C-alpha atoms as a PDB file:
ATOM      1  CA  MET A   1     190.114 -45.615 315.778  1.00  0.00           C
ATOM      2  CA  ASN A   2     189.137 -47.198 312.476  1.00  0.00           C
ATOM      3  CA  MET A   3     191.926 -48.140 309.992  1.00  0.00           C
ATOM      4  CA  ASP A   4     191.034 -48.902 306.459  1.00  0.00           C
ATOM      5  CA  VAL A   5     192.031 -52.140 304.742  1.00  0.00           C
ATOM      6  CA  GLY A   6     194.589 -50.335 302.567  1.00  0.00           C
ATOM      7  CA  ALA A   7     196.494 -49.018 305.513  1.00  0.00           C
ATOM      8  CA  ILE A   8     196.594 -52.470 307.167  1.00  0.00           C
ATOM      9  CA  ILE A   9     197.928 -54.076 303.954  1.00  0.00           C
ATOM     10  CA  ALA A  10     200.544 -51.291 303.658  1.00  0.00           C
ATOM     11  CA  ILE A  11     201.821 -52.084 307.044  1.00  0.00           C
ATOM     12  CA  ALA A  12     201.473 -55.967 306.920  1.00  0.00           C
ATOM     13  CA  LEU A  13     202.915 -56.505 303.423  1.00  0.00           C
ATOM     14  CA  PRO A  14     206.489 -55.443 304.069  1.00  0.00           C
ATOM     15  CA  ILE A  15     206.566 -57.423 307.247  1.00  0.00           C
ATOM     16  CA  LEU A  16     205.224 -60.528 305.471  1.00  0.00           C
ATOM     17  CA  VAL A  17     207.805 -60.187 302.719  1.00  0.00           C
ATOM     18  CA  ILE A  18     210.622 -59.831 305.174  1.00  0.00           C
ATOM     19  CA  GLN A  19     209.394 -62.856 307.151  1.00  0.00           C
ATOM     20  CA  LEU A  20     209.089 -65.087 304.111  1.00  0.00           C
ATOM     21  CA  GLY A  21     212.466 -63.896 302.771  1.00  0.00           C
ATOM     22  CA  LEU A  22     214.216 -64.756 306.091  1.00  0.00           C
ATOM     23  CA  LEU A  23     212.376 -68.109 306.265  1.00  0.00           C
ATOM     24  CA  VAL A  24     213.517 -69.162 302.776  1.00  0.00           C
ATOM     25  CA  TRP A  25     217.087 -67.850 303.237  1.00  0.00           C
ATOM     26  CA  ALA A  26     217.463 -69.565 306.612  1.00  0.00           C
ATOM     27  CA  LEU A  27     216.080 -72.899 305.365  1.00  0.00           C
ATOM     28  CA  TYR A  28     218.240 -72.761 302.209  1.00  0.00           C
ATOM     29  CA  ASP A  29     221.331 -72.014 304.366  1.00  0.00           C
ATOM     30  CA  LEU A  30     220.406 -74.755 306.790  1.00  0.00           C
ATOM     31  CA  SER A  31     219.976 -77.400 304.042  1.00  0.00           C
ATOM     32  CA  ARG A  32     223.460 -76.899 302.711  1.00  0.00           C
ATOM     33  CA  PRO A  33     225.599 -80.035 303.512  1.00  0.00           C
ATOM     34  CA  THR A  34     228.538 -78.097 304.658  1.00  0.00           C
ATOM     35  CA  ARG A  35     226.614 -75.952 307.144  1.00  0.00           C
ATOM     36  CA  ARG A  36     227.300 -76.768 310.749  1.00  0.00           C
ATOM     37  CA  VAL A  37     224.870 -75.608 313.475  1.00  0.00           C
ATOM     38  CA  LYS A  38     225.177 -75.322 317.223  1.00  0.00           C
ATOM     39  CA  GLY A  39     223.824 -78.352 318.979  1.00  0.00           C
ATOM     40  CA  ASP A  40     224.476 -80.431 315.815  1.00  0.00           C
ATOM     41  CA  SER A  41     220.674 -80.658 315.192  1.00  0.00           C
ATOM     42  CA  LYS A  42     219.539 -79.236 311.875  1.00  0.00           C
ATOM     43  CA  ILE A  43     216.059 -80.610 312.516  1.00  0.00           C
ATOM     44  CA  VAL A  44     215.621 -78.618 315.748  1.00  0.00           C
ATOM     45  CA  TRP A  45     216.857 -75.476 313.975  1.00  0.00           C
ATOM     46  CA  ALA A  46     214.543 -76.005 311.060  1.00  0.00           C
ATOM     47  CA  LEU A  47     211.639 -76.296 313.497  1.00  0.00           C
ATOM     48  CA  ILE A  48     212.696 -73.073 315.235  1.00  0.00           C
ATOM     49  CA  VAL A  49     212.989 -71.224 311.930  1.00  0.00           C
ATOM     50  CA  ILE A  50     209.556 -72.447 310.700  1.00  0.00           C
ATOM     51  CA  PHE A  51     207.493 -72.178 313.861  1.00  0.00           C
ATOM     52  CA  ILE A  52     208.891 -69.087 315.547  1.00  0.00           C
ATOM     53  CA  ASN A  53     207.735 -66.419 313.176  1.00  0.00           C
ATOM     54  CA  LEU A  54     210.259 -63.768 312.197  1.00  0.00           C
ATOM     55  CA  ILE A  55     212.359 -64.252 315.389  1.00  0.00           C
ATOM     56  CA  GLY A  56     213.166 -67.933 314.485  1.00  0.00           C
ATOM     57  CA  PRO A  57     215.209 -67.158 311.369  1.00  0.00           C
ATOM     58  CA  ILE A  58     216.886 -64.142 313.153  1.00  0.00           C
ATOM     59  CA  LEU A  59     217.968 -66.454 316.048  1.00  0.00           C
ATOM     60  CA  TYR A  60     219.332 -68.982 313.521  1.00  0.00           C
ATOM     61  CA  PHE A  61     221.445 -66.400 311.780  1.00  0.00           C
ATOM     62  CA  LEU A  62     222.658 -64.750 315.092  1.00  0.00           C
ATOM     63  CA  VAL A  63     223.345 -67.867 317.292  1.00  0.00           C
ATOM     64  CA  GLY A  64     222.558 -71.073 315.422  1.00  0.00           C
ATOM     65  CA  ARG A  65     225.338 -71.190 312.755  1.00  0.00           C
ATOM     66  CA  GLU A  66     228.829 -72.328 313.400  1.00  0.00           C
ATOM     67  CA  ASP A  67     231.660 -71.140 311.164  1.00  0.00           C
ATOM     68  CA  SER A  68     232.361 -73.973 308.694  1.00  0.00           C
END
């Protein structure tokens, strides 16, 4: 099977846009002074969001935030 470059870009580009959007949104939300997080460690959550691609921001939004 031989995929051309256009097909690979067509598949990868939406995933990349979603990943970057979630990353920026999560870091913005995390940087708010009123935001509380589980474990009271914003630095740990920032590292999770940055280094665990795509799943890190999703984890943050699902389990990392506390109601403020």
